[in-house]
Amino acid sequence: MPAWARDIGIARRPGLCARHYRASGDLENEDPAVAREALRELTTLDKAMTAVRA
Protein backbone atom coordinates (compact mmCIF):
# COMPACT_ATOMS: atom_id res chain seq x y z
CA MET A 1 0.00 0.00 0.00
CA PRO A 2 1.40 3.41 -0.89
CA ALA A 3 2.14 5.69 2.06
CA TRP A 4 -0.38 8.27 0.82
CA ALA A 5 -3.19 5.68 0.82
CA ARG A 6 -2.30 4.60 4.35
CA ASP A 7 -2.23 8.22 5.51
CA ILE A 8 -5.66 8.91 4.00
CA GLY A 9 -7.05 5.76 5.61
CA ILE A 10 -5.71 6.83 9.00
CA ALA A 11 -6.97 10.41 8.60
CA ARG A 12 -10.50 9.11 7.94
CA ARG A 13 -10.56 7.41 11.34
CA PRO A 14 -10.33 9.94 14.22
CA GLY A 15 -9.12 7.42 16.80
CA LEU A 16 -6.36 6.12 14.56
CA CYS A 17 -5.47 9.63 13.50
CA ALA A 18 -4.95 10.70 17.13
CA ARG A 19 -2.81 7.62 17.86
CA HIS A 20 -0.76 8.19 14.70
CA TYR A 21 -0.23 11.88 15.48
CA ARG A 22 0.82 11.16 19.06
CA ALA A 23 3.20 8.36 18.08
CA SER A 24 4.72 10.41 15.27
CA GLY A 25 5.49 13.17 17.73
CA ASP A 26 7.09 10.74 20.17
CA LEU A 27 9.48 9.24 17.62
CA GLU A 28 12.16 11.81 18.38
CA ASN A 29 11.64 11.82 22.14
CA GLU A 30 14.83 12.00 24.20
CA ASP A 31 13.73 8.96 26.20
CA PRO A 32 14.64 5.87 24.14
CA ALA A 33 11.81 3.85 25.71
CA VAL A 34 9.23 6.43 24.57
CA ALA A 35 10.72 6.50 21.07
CA ARG A 36 10.70 2.67 20.86
CA GLU A 37 7.07 2.55 21.99
CA ALA A 38 6.17 5.17 19.36
CA LEU A 39 7.86 3.09 16.67
CA ARG A 40 5.95 0.01 17.84
CA GLU A 41 2.68 1.93 17.73
CA LEU A 42 3.33 3.24 14.22
CA THR A 43 4.28 -0.25 13.04
CA THR A 44 1.07 -1.64 14.53
CA LEU A 45 -1.01 1.06 12.84
CA ASP A 46 0.71 0.43 9.51
CA LYS A 47 0.06 -3.32 9.73
CA ALA A 48 -3.58 -2.71 10.69
CA MET A 49 -4.13 -0.40 7.73
CA THR A 50 -2.44 -2.88 5.38
CA ALA A 51 -4.73 -5.65 6.65
CA VAL A 52 -7.81 -3.49 6.14
CA ARG A 53 -6.82 -2.80 2.53
CA ALA A 54 -5.91 -6.43 1.73
C-alpha atoms as a PDB file:
ATOM      1  CA  MET A   1       0.000   0.000   0.000  1.00  0.00           C
ATOM      2  CA  PRO A   2       1.399   3.409  -0.893  1.00  0.00           C
ATOM      3  CA  ALA A   3       2.139   5.690   2.056  1.00  0.00           C
ATOM      4  CA  TRP A   4      -0.380   8.266   0.823  1.00  0.00           C
ATOM      5  CA  ALA A   5      -3.192   5.676   0.818  1.00  0.00           C
ATOM      6  CA  ARG A   6      -2.297   4.600   4.353  1.00  0.00           C
ATOM      7  CA  ASP A   7      -2.228   8.224   5.506  1.00  0.00           C
ATOM      8  CA  ILE A   8      -5.660   8.911   4.005  1.00  0.00           C
ATOM      9  CA  GLY A   9      -7.055   5.760   5.612  1.00  0.00           C
ATOM     10  CA  ILE A  10      -5.712   6.829   8.997  1.00  0.00           C
ATOM     11  CA  ALA A  11      -6.973  10.410   8.597  1.00  0.00           C
ATOM     12  CA  ARG A  12     -10.497   9.106   7.941  1.00  0.00           C
ATOM     13  CA  ARG A  13     -10.558   7.414  11.343  1.00  0.00           C
ATOM     14  CA  PRO A  14     -10.332   9.942  14.215  1.00  0.00           C
ATOM     15  CA  GLY A  15      -9.117   7.424  16.802  1.00  0.00           C
ATOM     16  CA  LEU A  16      -6.360   6.117  14.555  1.00  0.00           C
ATOM     17  CA  CYS A  17      -5.474   9.629  13.503  1.00  0.00           C
ATOM     18  CA  ALA A  18      -4.955  10.697  17.133  1.00  0.00           C
ATOM     19  CA  ARG A  19      -2.814   7.622  17.856  1.00  0.00           C
ATOM     20  CA  HIS A  20      -0.756   8.191  14.699  1.00  0.00           C
ATOM     21  CA  TYR A  21      -0.226  11.876  15.478  1.00  0.00           C
ATOM     22  CA  ARG A  22       0.818  11.160  19.063  1.00  0.00           C
ATOM     23  CA  ALA A  23       3.200   8.356  18.083  1.00  0.00           C
ATOM     24  CA  SER A  24       4.724  10.410  15.265  1.00  0.00           C
ATOM     25  CA  GLY A  25       5.489  13.173  17.734  1.00  0.00           C
ATOM     26  CA  ASP A  26       7.086  10.740  20.170  1.00  0.00           C
ATOM     27  CA  LEU A  27       9.476   9.237  17.616  1.00  0.00           C
ATOM     28  CA  GLU A  28      12.164  11.807  18.381  1.00  0.00           C
ATOM     29  CA  ASN A  29      11.636  11.818  22.139  1.00  0.00           C
ATOM     30  CA  GLU A  30      14.827  11.999  24.201  1.00  0.00           C
ATOM     31  CA  ASP A  31      13.734   8.955  26.201  1.00  0.00           C
ATOM     32  CA  PRO A  32      14.642   5.869  24.142  1.00  0.00           C
ATOM     33  CA  ALA A  33      11.811   3.852  25.711  1.00  0.00           C
ATOM     34  CA  VAL A  34       9.234   6.430  24.572  1.00  0.00           C
ATOM     35  CA  ALA A  35      10.723   6.502  21.065  1.00  0.00           C
ATOM     36  CA  ARG A  36      10.698   2.670  20.864  1.00  0.00           C
ATOM     37  CA  GLU A  37       7.068   2.548  21.985  1.00  0.00           C
ATOM     38  CA  ALA A  38       6.167   5.169  19.364  1.00  0.00           C
ATOM     39  CA  LEU A  39       7.863   3.087  16.674  1.00  0.00           C
ATOM     40  CA  ARG A  40       5.953   0.006  17.844  1.00  0.00           C
ATOM     41  CA  GLU A  41       2.683   1.930  17.734  1.00  0.00           C
ATOM     42  CA  LEU A  42       3.334   3.238  14.221  1.00  0.00           C
ATOM     43  CA  THR A  43       4.278  -0.251  13.041  1.00  0.00           C
ATOM     44  CA  THR A  44       1.065  -1.640  14.532  1.00  0.00           C
ATOM     45  CA  LEU A  45      -1.013   1.058  12.844  1.00  0.00           C
ATOM     46  CA  ASP A  46       0.708   0.430   9.515  1.00  0.00           C
ATOM     47  CA  LYS A  47       0.059  -3.323   9.727  1.00  0.00           C
ATOM     48  CA  ALA A  48      -3.577  -2.712  10.688  1.00  0.00           C
ATOM     49  CA  MET A  49      -4.128  -0.403   7.726  1.00  0.00           C
ATOM     50  CA  THR A  50      -2.441  -2.882   5.384  1.00  0.00           C
ATOM     51  CA  ALA A  51      -4.725  -5.652   6.650  1.00  0.00           C
ATOM     52  CA  VAL A  52      -7.811  -3.490   6.137  1.00  0.00           C
ATOM     53  CA  ARG A  53      -6.816  -2.800   2.531  1.00  0.00           C
ATOM     54  CA  ALA A  54      -5.908  -6.435   1.730  1.00  0.00           C
END
